C-alpha atoms as a PDB file:
ATOM      1  CA  MET A   1       0.000   0.000   0.000  1.00  0.00           C
ATOM      2  CA  ASP A   2       2.667   2.466   0.972  1.00  0.00           C
ATOM      3  CA  ALA A   3       4.712   1.630  -2.121  1.00  0.00           C
ATOM      4  CA  SER A   4       1.733   2.375  -4.374  1.00  0.00           C
ATOM      5  CA  CYS A   5       1.090   5.680  -2.559  1.00  0.00           C
ATOM      6  CA  ILE A   6      -2.546   4.735  -1.975  1.00  0.00           C
ATOM      7  CA  PRO A   7      -3.892   5.748   1.435  1.00  0.00           C
ATOM      8  CA  LYS A   8      -5.089   2.773   3.475  1.00  0.00           C
ATOM      9  CA  TRP A   9      -8.628   4.151   3.647  1.00  0.00           C
ATOM     10  CA  TYR A  10      -8.849   3.702  -0.152  1.00  0.00           C
ATOM     11  CA  THR A  11      -8.036  -0.013  -0.205  1.00  0.00           C
ATOM     12  CA  HIS A  12     -11.561  -0.756  -1.414  1.00  0.00           C
ATOM     13  CA  ASN A  13     -10.893   1.309  -4.567  1.00  0.00           C
ATOM     14  CA  MET A  14      -7.850  -0.636  -5.705  1.00  0.00           C
ATOM     15  CA  ASP A  15      -7.836  -2.009  -9.244  1.00  0.00           C
ATOM     16  CA  PHE A  16     -10.527  -4.692  -9.419  1.00  0.00           C
ATOM     17  CA  GLN A  17      -9.679  -5.857  -5.914  1.00  0.00           C
ATOM     18  CA  LEU A  18      -6.675  -7.788  -7.252  1.00  0.00           C
ATOM     19  CA  ASP A  19      -4.141  -5.344  -5.860  1.00  0.00           C
ATOM     20  CA  TYR A  20      -6.071  -5.375  -2.600  1.00  0.00           C
ATOM     21  CA  GLU A  21      -5.992  -9.185  -2.475  1.00  0.00           C
ATOM     22  CA  ASP A  22      -2.220  -9.146  -3.042  1.00  0.00           C
ATOM     23  CA  TRP A  23      -1.766  -6.509  -0.352  1.00  0.00           C
ATOM     24  CA  LEU A  24      -4.033  -8.350   2.092  1.00  0.00           C
ATOM     25  CA  ALA A  25      -2.212 -11.636   1.535  1.00  0.00           C
ATOM     26  CA  THR A  26       1.113  -9.906   2.183  1.00  0.00           C
ATOM     27  CA  GLU A  27      -0.235  -8.322   5.363  1.00  0.00           C
ATOM     28  CA  CYS A  28      -1.387 -11.752   6.574  1.00  0.00           C
ATOM     29  CA  GLY A  29       1.858 -13.480   5.631  1.00  0.00           C
ATOM     30  CA  SER A  30       0.150 -15.590   2.973  1.00  0.00           C
ATOM     31  CA  PRO A  31       1.061 -16.043  -0.673  1.00  0.00           C
ATOM     32  CA  PRO A  32      -0.892 -13.922  -3.171  1.00  0.00           C
ATOM     33  CA  PRO A  33      -3.637 -15.531  -5.259  1.00  0.00           C
ATOM     34  CA  GLU A  34      -2.416 -17.724  -8.084  1.00  0.00           C
ATOM     35  CA  LYS A  35      -1.756 -16.129 -11.489  1.00  0.00           C
ATOM     36  CA  TRP A  36      -4.301 -18.391 -13.202  1.00  0.00           C
ATOM     37  CA  ARG A  37      -7.051 -16.909 -11.010  1.00  0.00           C
ATOM     38  CA  LYS A  38      -6.156 -13.397 -12.120  1.00  0.00           C
ATOM     39  CA  GLN A  39      -5.943 -14.453 -15.754  1.00  0.00           C
ATOM     40  CA  MET A  40      -9.398 -16.054 -15.521  1.00  0.00           C
ATOM     41  CA  PHE A  41     -10.749 -12.841 -14.028  1.00  0.00           C
ATOM     42  CA  PHE A  42      -9.358 -10.704 -16.861  1.00  0.00           C
ATOM     43  CA  ILE A  43     -10.627 -13.109 -19.524  1.00  0.00           C
ATOM     44  CA  ALA A  44     -14.104 -13.142 -17.965  1.00  0.00           C
ATOM     45  CA  ARG A  45     -14.151  -9.357 -17.623  1.00  0.00           C
ATOM     46  CA  GLU A  46     -13.142  -8.886 -21.254  1.00  0.00           C
ATOM     47  CA  LYS A  47     -15.778 -11.377 -22.440  1.00  0.00           C
ATOM     48  CA  LEU A  48     -18.403  -9.569 -20.381  1.00  0.00           C
ATOM     49  CA  LYS A  49     -17.499  -6.304 -22.119  1.00  0.00           C
ATOM     50  CA  THR A  50     -17.336  -7.712 -25.652  1.00  0.00           C
ATOM     51  CA  GLN A  51     -20.031 -10.402 -25.522  1.00  0.00           C
ATOM     52  CA  PRO A  52     -22.418  -9.519 -22.688  1.00  0.00           C
ATOM     53  CA  GLU A  53     -25.244 -11.766 -23.925  1.00  0.00           C
ATOM     54  CA  ILE A  54     -23.174 -14.947 -24.243  1.00  0.00           C
ATOM     55  CA  TYR A  55     -20.046 -14.420 -22.150  1.00  0.00           C
ATOM     56  CA  ARG A  56     -20.914 -17.380 -19.883  1.00  0.00           C
ATOM     57  CA  ASP A  57     -21.603 -19.824 -22.706  1.00  0.00           C
ATOM     58  CA  GLN A  58     -18.234 -20.262 -24.403  1.00  0.00           C
ATOM     59  CA  TRP A  59     -14.810 -20.364 -22.801  1.00  0.00           C
ATOM     60  CA  ASP A  60     -11.364 -20.425 -24.347  1.00  0.00           C
ATOM     61  CA  ASP A  61      -9.374 -20.934 -21.190  1.00  0.00           C
ATOM     62  CA  ASN A  62      -8.787 -24.679 -21.055  1.00  0.00           C
ATOM     63  CA  ASP A  63      -5.132 -24.122 -20.206  1.00  0.00           C
ATOM     64  CA  LEU A  64      -6.155 -22.126 -17.124  1.00  0.00           C
ATOM     65  CA  ILE A  65      -8.671 -24.787 -16.116  1.00  0.00           C
ATOM     66  CA  ILE A  66      -5.896 -27.382 -16.273  1.00  0.00           C
ATOM     67  CA  GLN A  67      -3.720 -25.153 -14.073  1.00  0.00           C
ATOM     68  CA  ALA A  68      -6.594 -24.778 -11.601  1.00  0.00           C
ATOM     69  CA  HIS A  69      -7.141 -28.550 -11.423  1.00  0.00           C
ATOM     70  CA  GLN A  70      -3.435 -29.120 -10.850  1.00  0.00           C
ATOM     71  CA  ASP A  71      -3.408 -26.481  -8.131  1.00  0.00           C
ATOM     72  CA  PHE A  72      -6.482 -27.934  -6.414  1.00  0.00           C
ATOM     73  CA  ALA A  73      -4.993 -31.437  -6.595  1.00  0.00           C
ATOM     74  CA  LYS A  74      -1.907 -30.136  -4.798  1.00  0.00           C
ATOM     75  CA  TYR A  75      -4.052 -28.718  -1.987  1.00  0.00           C
ATOM     76  CA  ILE A  76      -6.060 -31.925  -1.678  1.00  0.00           C
ATOM     77  CA  THR A  77      -2.863 -33.978  -1.467  1.00  0.00           C
ATOM     78  CA  ASP A  78      -1.413 -31.610   1.138  1.00  0.00           C
ATOM     79  CA  LEU A  79      -4.639 -31.722   3.162  1.00  0.00           C
ATOM     80  CA  ALA A  80      -4.708 -35.512   3.087  1.00  0.00           C
ATOM     81  CA  GLN A  81      -1.133 -35.639   4.354  1.00  0.00           C
ATOM     82  CA  VAL A  82      -1.891 -33.209   7.191  1.00  0.00           C
ATOM     83  CA  GLN A  83      -4.977 -35.158   8.198  1.00  0.00           C
ATOM     84  CA  LYS A  84      -3.002 -38.396   8.110  1.00  0.00           C
ATOM     85  CA  LEU A  85      -0.314 -36.921  10.385  1.00  0.00           C
ATOM     86  CA  SER A  86      -2.874 -35.581  12.873  1.00  0.00           C
ATOM     87  CA  THR A  87      -4.494 -38.995  13.451  1.00  0.00           C
END
């Protein structure tokens, strides 16, 4: 926040909340959201602008969906290992 010269009381006005999410993650000591999530957001936003009637019907982001599945699989594997250790 300080580096971007945005007063803290304007955090809600940051660019599409993505900068805010990055800042909030940093403040909490967590990693920022994955890049594929941001890319999906920008693709969806652009489709909404250019094709508002059908933007939900057709997607050209299969590569991002694959990245999401791989990311989720990693979390599921990590969760299973933690649960196994705690029993």
